[in-house]
Amino acid sequence: MTNTRTTDVAATVNQIKSLERVGVDIVRVSVPTMDAAEAFKQIKQQVNVPLVADIHFDYRIALQVAEYGVDCLRINPGNIGNESRIRSVVDCARDKNIPIRIGVNGGSLEKDLQEKYGEPTPEALLESAMRHVDILDRLNFDQFKVSVKASDVFLAVQSYRLLAARIDQPLHLGITEAAARAAGR
């Protein structure tokens, strides 16, 4: 994932080209605003590696970058919005043959799951993932992969094990630094 401001097109393109030179196969770019979506359009035109747009909060940004040739959409179930918003993203992705990554993150679980479990647990990450897997299944969309990331390696591994026992979709394996840490750990 790039660590530049996406609206700084030159810096982002330079970073992606540096990654291309060392053999990176795919790069994720944060697209937090519509201004960043416009920058994404310029970035996409200047690089060769496939780009994943990391979308948070505003589903309309996903629709916009889809128009600009994004290769994959990463959506965060904890903040992307209700099922009608997800349906809009799925319909667009289906029309343009764009895969989706459901990116569950221990640091940004849905509020009801935070209240139910008190902290990120394997069961909480699984429940979040399954809610969105079920939505995509209901929408007859199967071009997706799922991640259940946490900064705690053991939490992430157990979450992935639970998820692997429940679904046949590909898993995007990883650890994140974005997850909240429970007090005392």
Protein backbone atom coordinates (compact mmCIF):
# COMPACT_ATOMS: atom_id res chain seq x y z
CA MET A 1 0.00 0.00 0.00
CA THR A 2 1.25 3.45 -0.81
CA ASN A 3 1.95 5.79 2.07
CA THR A 4 1.69 9.04 0.13
CA ARG A 5 -1.25 11.40 0.00
CA THR A 6 -3.13 10.14 -3.02
CA THR A 7 -3.87 13.71 -4.06
CA ASP A 8 -0.11 14.17 -4.47
CA VAL A 9 -0.16 12.49 -7.86
CA ALA A 10 3.56 12.86 -8.58
CA ALA A 11 4.64 11.38 -5.24
CA THR A 12 2.16 8.53 -5.50
CA VAL A 13 3.15 7.70 -9.08
CA ASN A 14 6.84 7.80 -8.11
CA GLN A 15 6.25 5.45 -5.22
CA ILE A 16 4.25 3.02 -7.36
CA LYS A 17 6.89 3.07 -10.11
CA SER A 18 9.56 2.32 -7.47
CA LEU A 19 7.46 -0.63 -6.35
CA GLU A 20 7.05 -1.79 -9.95
CA ARG A 21 10.85 -1.72 -10.42
CA VAL A 22 11.34 -4.15 -7.53
CA GLY A 23 8.72 -6.55 -8.84
CA VAL A 24 5.55 -5.72 -6.93
CA ASP A 25 2.55 -7.34 -8.63
CA ILE A 26 -0.25 -5.15 -7.26
CA VAL A 27 -0.50 -1.92 -5.23
CA ARG A 28 -3.23 -0.68 -2.93
CA VAL A 29 -3.92 3.06 -2.89
CA SER A 30 -6.03 4.84 -0.30
CA VAL A 31 -8.89 6.80 -1.88
CA PRO A 32 -10.52 8.63 1.04
CA THR A 33 -12.16 11.53 -0.85
CA MET A 34 -13.55 12.48 -4.22
CA ASP A 35 -10.45 14.63 -4.75
CA ALA A 36 -8.38 11.49 -4.21
CA ALA A 37 -10.61 9.67 -6.71
CA GLU A 38 -9.80 12.34 -9.31
CA ALA A 39 -6.10 11.93 -8.48
CA PHE A 40 -6.51 8.16 -8.80
CA LYS A 41 -7.62 8.65 -12.41
CA GLN A 42 -4.34 10.41 -13.20
CA ILE A 43 -2.29 7.87 -11.26
CA LYS A 44 -3.90 4.93 -13.04
CA GLN A 45 -2.97 6.43 -16.41
CA GLN A 46 0.71 6.63 -15.44
CA VAL A 47 1.43 3.20 -13.96
CA ASN A 48 1.39 -0.38 -15.22
CA VAL A 49 0.79 -2.43 -12.08
CA PRO A 50 -2.83 -3.25 -11.14
CA LEU A 51 -4.26 -0.88 -8.52
CA VAL A 52 -6.58 -1.67 -5.64
CA ALA A 53 -8.59 1.29 -4.36
CA ASP A 54 -8.95 1.28 -0.58
CA ILE A 55 -12.40 2.74 0.08
CA HIS A 56 -13.75 3.88 3.44
CA PHE A 57 -17.00 5.59 4.46
CA ASP A 58 -18.26 6.89 1.09
CA TYR A 59 -19.40 4.17 -1.31
CA ARG A 60 -19.68 6.78 -4.09
CA ILE A 61 -15.89 6.94 -4.23
CA ALA A 62 -15.88 3.25 -5.22
CA LEU A 63 -18.32 4.02 -8.04
CA GLN A 64 -16.09 6.86 -9.23
CA VAL A 65 -12.80 4.92 -9.28
CA ALA A 66 -14.59 2.10 -11.09
CA GLU A 67 -15.13 4.57 -13.92
CA TYR A 68 -11.39 5.26 -13.89
CA GLY A 69 -10.31 1.65 -14.39
CA VAL A 70 -9.58 0.40 -10.87
CA ASP A 71 -8.48 -3.24 -10.88
CA CYS A 72 -9.97 -4.17 -7.49
CA LEU A 73 -12.04 -2.46 -4.80
CA ARG A 74 -11.30 -2.93 -1.11
CA ILE A 75 -14.27 -2.05 1.07
CA ASN A 76 -14.35 -2.01 4.86
CA PRO A 77 -17.58 -3.48 6.23
CA GLY A 78 -17.17 -1.46 9.43
CA ASN A 79 -17.67 1.84 7.67
CA ILE A 80 -18.90 1.45 4.07
CA GLY A 81 -22.57 1.73 4.95
CA ASN A 82 -25.80 -0.16 4.61
CA GLU A 83 -26.75 -2.93 2.21
CA SER A 84 -28.18 -0.58 -0.43
CA ARG A 85 -24.80 1.16 -0.67
CA ILE A 86 -23.04 -2.18 -0.92
CA ARG A 87 -25.51 -3.19 -3.64
CA SER A 88 -24.58 -0.09 -5.64
CA VAL A 89 -20.90 -0.99 -5.40
CA VAL A 90 -21.56 -4.64 -6.31
CA ASP A 91 -23.72 -3.71 -9.30
CA CYS A 92 -20.99 -1.42 -10.59
CA ALA A 93 -18.27 -4.00 -9.95
CA ARG A 94 -20.28 -6.67 -11.76
CA ASP A 95 -20.88 -4.40 -14.76
CA LYS A 96 -17.17 -3.59 -15.03
CA ASN A 97 -15.82 -7.01 -14.01
CA ILE A 98 -14.01 -5.60 -10.97
CA PRO A 99 -13.33 -7.93 -8.04
CA ILE A 100 -13.93 -6.79 -4.47
CA ARG A 101 -12.01 -7.46 -1.29
CA ILE A 102 -14.10 -7.46 1.85
CA GLY A 103 -11.51 -6.04 4.23
CA VAL A 104 -12.50 -6.63 7.84
CA ASN A 105 -10.21 -4.90 10.30
CA GLY A 106 -10.06 -5.50 14.04
CA GLY A 107 -9.65 -1.78 14.62
CA SER A 108 -12.80 -0.74 12.79
CA LEU A 109 -15.45 -3.34 13.51
CA GLU A 110 -19.09 -2.35 13.30
CA LYS A 111 -20.33 -0.61 16.46
CA ASP A 112 -22.78 -3.37 17.35
CA LEU A 113 -19.97 -5.95 17.18
CA GLN A 114 -17.74 -3.76 19.33
CA GLU A 115 -20.53 -3.61 21.91
CA LYS A 116 -21.32 -7.33 21.66
CA TYR A 117 -17.74 -8.59 21.99
CA GLY A 118 -16.09 -5.71 23.89
CA GLU A 119 -12.90 -6.00 21.87
CA PRO A 120 -11.76 -7.54 18.60
CA THR A 121 -12.08 -11.32 18.85
CA PRO A 122 -11.88 -14.03 16.20
CA GLU A 123 -15.65 -14.46 16.48
CA ALA A 124 -16.24 -10.71 16.01
CA LEU A 125 -14.05 -10.57 12.90
CA LEU A 126 -15.76 -13.70 11.55
CA GLU A 127 -19.24 -12.28 12.20
CA SER A 128 -18.36 -9.05 10.41
CA ALA A 129 -16.93 -10.91 7.44
CA MET A 130 -19.89 -13.29 7.22
CA ARG A 131 -22.40 -10.45 7.22
CA HIS A 132 -20.82 -9.10 4.07
CA VAL A 133 -20.15 -12.48 2.47
CA ASP A 134 -23.86 -13.17 2.93
CA ILE A 135 -24.76 -9.84 1.30
CA LEU A 136 -22.57 -10.57 -1.72
CA ASP A 137 -23.99 -14.08 -1.91
CA ARG A 138 -27.55 -12.69 -1.87
CA LEU A 139 -26.54 -10.31 -4.64
CA ASN A 140 -25.18 -13.23 -6.67
CA PHE A 141 -21.68 -11.75 -6.74
CA ASP A 142 -18.82 -14.20 -6.38
CA GLN A 143 -15.82 -12.19 -7.58
CA PHE A 144 -14.51 -11.39 -4.13
CA LYS A 145 -11.92 -12.32 -1.56
CA VAL A 146 -12.00 -11.72 2.17
CA SER A 147 -9.52 -10.53 4.77
CA VAL A 148 -9.90 -10.47 8.55
CA LYS A 149 -6.86 -8.51 9.67
CA ALA A 150 -5.68 -7.53 13.10
CA SER A 151 -2.40 -6.29 14.53
CA ASP A 152 -2.32 -9.26 16.94
CA VAL A 153 -0.92 -12.21 14.96
CA PHE A 154 -2.72 -14.84 17.05
CA LEU A 155 -6.05 -13.03 16.71
CA ALA A 156 -5.60 -12.77 12.95
CA VAL A 157 -4.59 -16.44 12.54
CA GLN A 158 -7.54 -17.68 14.58
CA SER A 159 -9.90 -15.38 12.66
CA TYR A 160 -8.63 -16.72 9.33
CA ARG A 161 -9.01 -20.30 10.56
CA LEU A 162 -12.63 -19.69 11.52
CA LEU A 163 -13.30 -17.97 8.20
CA ALA A 164 -11.62 -20.70 6.13
CA ALA A 165 -13.90 -23.26 7.76
CA ARG A 166 -16.97 -21.29 6.61
CA ILE A 167 -16.32 -20.05 3.06
CA ASP A 168 -14.80 -21.19 -0.21
CA GLN A 169 -13.76 -17.74 -1.44
CA PRO A 170 -10.07 -16.84 -1.56
CA LEU A 171 -8.59 -15.35 1.57
CA HIS A 172 -6.37 -12.28 1.46
CA LEU A 173 -3.89 -12.98 4.24
CA GLY A 174 -2.30 -10.20 6.20
CA ILE A 175 -1.63 -8.38 9.43
CA THR A 176 -2.48 -4.73 9.95
CA GLU A 177 -1.19 -1.96 12.14
CA ALA A 178 -4.57 -0.22 11.98
CA ALA A 179 -6.27 -2.40 14.58
CA ALA A 180 -6.99 -1.10 18.06
CA ARG A 181 -5.12 -2.73 20.93
CA ALA A 182 -6.95 -3.87 24.03
CA ALA A 183 -5.74 -2.33 27.28
CA GLY A 184 -3.09 -4.37 29.03
CA ARG A 185 -1.78 -6.18 25.97
